[in-house]
Amino acid sequence: MEIKVINEYITLGQLLKKADFIQSGGEAKFAVKELDITVNGEKEDRRGRKLYPNDVVVIEGKTITLL
């Protein structure tokens, strides 16, 4: 899956919502602790993590490339 970054960056919490892993932003706090998430091969559990174009995020085995 590919997601285009409109601004300079997108946060991990915003990405979770955009990729339909959560329904609302309030769920992000819990989702980042429960889901298996890696950013560029490193485990990540901060919902505020800034993601930039060319980052590769894997959430529960689903790969998302940011454009």
C-alpha atoms as a PDB file:
ATOM      1  CA  MET A   1       0.000   0.000   0.000  1.00  0.00           C
ATOM      2  CA  GLU A   2       1.210   3.507  -0.746  1.00  0.00           C
ATOM      3  CA  ILE A   3       0.112   6.675   1.025  1.00  0.00           C
ATOM      4  CA  LYS A   4       0.983  10.164  -0.180  1.00  0.00           C
ATOM      5  CA  VAL A   5       2.252  12.613   2.441  1.00  0.00           C
ATOM      6  CA  ILE A   6       0.531  15.927   1.730  1.00  0.00           C
ATOM      7  CA  ASN A   7       2.481  18.121   4.178  1.00  0.00           C
ATOM      8  CA  GLU A   8       6.123  17.795   5.233  1.00  0.00           C
ATOM      9  CA  TYR A   9       5.323  14.753   7.376  1.00  0.00           C
ATOM     10  CA  ILE A  10       2.504  12.639   8.849  1.00  0.00           C
ATOM     11  CA  THR A  11       2.453  11.242  12.383  1.00  0.00           C
ATOM     12  CA  LEU A  12       2.164   7.539  13.087  1.00  0.00           C
ATOM     13  CA  GLY A  13      -1.231   8.160  14.714  1.00  0.00           C
ATOM     14  CA  GLN A  14      -2.500   9.895  11.569  1.00  0.00           C
ATOM     15  CA  LEU A  15      -1.167   7.062   9.424  1.00  0.00           C
ATOM     16  CA  LEU A  16      -2.971   4.450  11.518  1.00  0.00           C
ATOM     17  CA  LYS A  17      -6.244   6.283  10.902  1.00  0.00           C
ATOM     18  CA  LYS A  18      -5.576   6.872   7.204  1.00  0.00           C
ATOM     19  CA  ALA A  19      -4.725   3.179   6.701  1.00  0.00           C
ATOM     20  CA  ASP A  20      -7.935   2.127   8.547  1.00  0.00           C
ATOM     21  CA  PHE A  21      -6.227   0.434  11.491  1.00  0.00           C
ATOM     22  CA  ILE A  22      -8.166   2.697  13.881  1.00  0.00           C
ATOM     23  CA  GLN A  23     -11.426   4.645  13.617  1.00  0.00           C
ATOM     24  CA  SER A  24     -10.502   7.764  15.582  1.00  0.00           C
ATOM     25  CA  GLY A  25      -7.397   9.598  16.685  1.00  0.00           C
ATOM     26  CA  GLY A  26      -8.167   8.754  20.310  1.00  0.00           C
ATOM     27  CA  GLU A  27      -7.534   5.079  19.607  1.00  0.00           C
ATOM     28  CA  ALA A  28      -3.948   5.766  18.437  1.00  0.00           C
ATOM     29  CA  LYS A  29      -2.556   5.891  21.968  1.00  0.00           C
ATOM     30  CA  PHE A  30      -3.635   2.300  22.613  1.00  0.00           C
ATOM     31  CA  ALA A  31      -3.073   0.998  19.080  1.00  0.00           C
ATOM     32  CA  VAL A  32       0.642   1.860  18.995  1.00  0.00           C
ATOM     33  CA  LYS A  33       1.139  -0.179  22.174  1.00  0.00           C
ATOM     34  CA  GLU A  34      -0.904  -3.173  20.961  1.00  0.00           C
ATOM     35  CA  LEU A  35      -0.028  -3.438  17.256  1.00  0.00           C
ATOM     36  CA  ASP A  36       3.260  -4.764  15.895  1.00  0.00           C
ATOM     37  CA  ILE A  37       4.651  -1.648  14.160  1.00  0.00           C
ATOM     38  CA  THR A  38       8.059  -1.035  12.613  1.00  0.00           C
ATOM     39  CA  VAL A  39       9.328   2.101  10.868  1.00  0.00           C
ATOM     40  CA  ASN A  40      12.257   1.532   8.512  1.00  0.00           C
ATOM     41  CA  GLY A  41      12.926  -1.796  10.233  1.00  0.00           C
ATOM     42  CA  GLU A  42      12.886  -0.472  13.815  1.00  0.00           C
ATOM     43  CA  LYS A  43      10.146  -1.196  16.379  1.00  0.00           C
ATOM     44  CA  GLU A  44       8.024   1.889  17.024  1.00  0.00           C
ATOM     45  CA  ASP A  45       5.424   2.667  19.706  1.00  0.00           C
ATOM     46  CA  ARG A  46       5.194   6.473  19.652  1.00  0.00           C
ATOM     47  CA  ARG A  47       2.004   7.751  18.036  1.00  0.00           C
ATOM     48  CA  GLY A  48       3.635  11.153  17.470  1.00  0.00           C
ATOM     49  CA  ARG A  49       6.540   9.690  15.473  1.00  0.00           C
ATOM     50  CA  LYS A  50       6.997  11.861  12.395  1.00  0.00           C
ATOM     51  CA  LEU A  51       6.964   9.914   9.135  1.00  0.00           C
ATOM     52  CA  TYR A  52       8.364  11.342   5.939  1.00  0.00           C
ATOM     53  CA  PRO A  53       8.210  10.405   2.247  1.00  0.00           C
ATOM     54  CA  ASN A  54      10.223   7.228   1.517  1.00  0.00           C
ATOM     55  CA  ASP A  55       9.677   5.841   5.024  1.00  0.00           C
ATOM     56  CA  VAL A  56       8.489   2.232   5.086  1.00  0.00           C
ATOM     57  CA  VAL A  57       6.044   1.333   7.838  1.00  0.00           C
ATOM     58  CA  VAL A  58       4.973  -2.241   8.571  1.00  0.00           C
ATOM     59  CA  ILE A  59       1.831  -2.615  10.693  1.00  0.00           C
ATOM     60  CA  GLU A  60       0.815  -6.162  11.626  1.00  0.00           C
ATOM     61  CA  GLY A  61       2.628  -7.462   8.530  1.00  0.00           C
ATOM     62  CA  LYS A  62       1.047  -4.916   6.141  1.00  0.00           C
ATOM     63  CA  THR A  63       3.681  -2.754   4.401  1.00  0.00           C
ATOM     64  CA  ILE A  64       2.935   0.916   3.778  1.00  0.00           C
ATOM     65  CA  THR A  65       5.313   3.072   1.742  1.00  0.00           C
ATOM     66  CA  LEU A  66       5.023   6.822   2.108  1.00  0.00           C
ATOM     67  CA  LEU A  67       5.237   8.944  -1.026  1.00  0.00           C
END
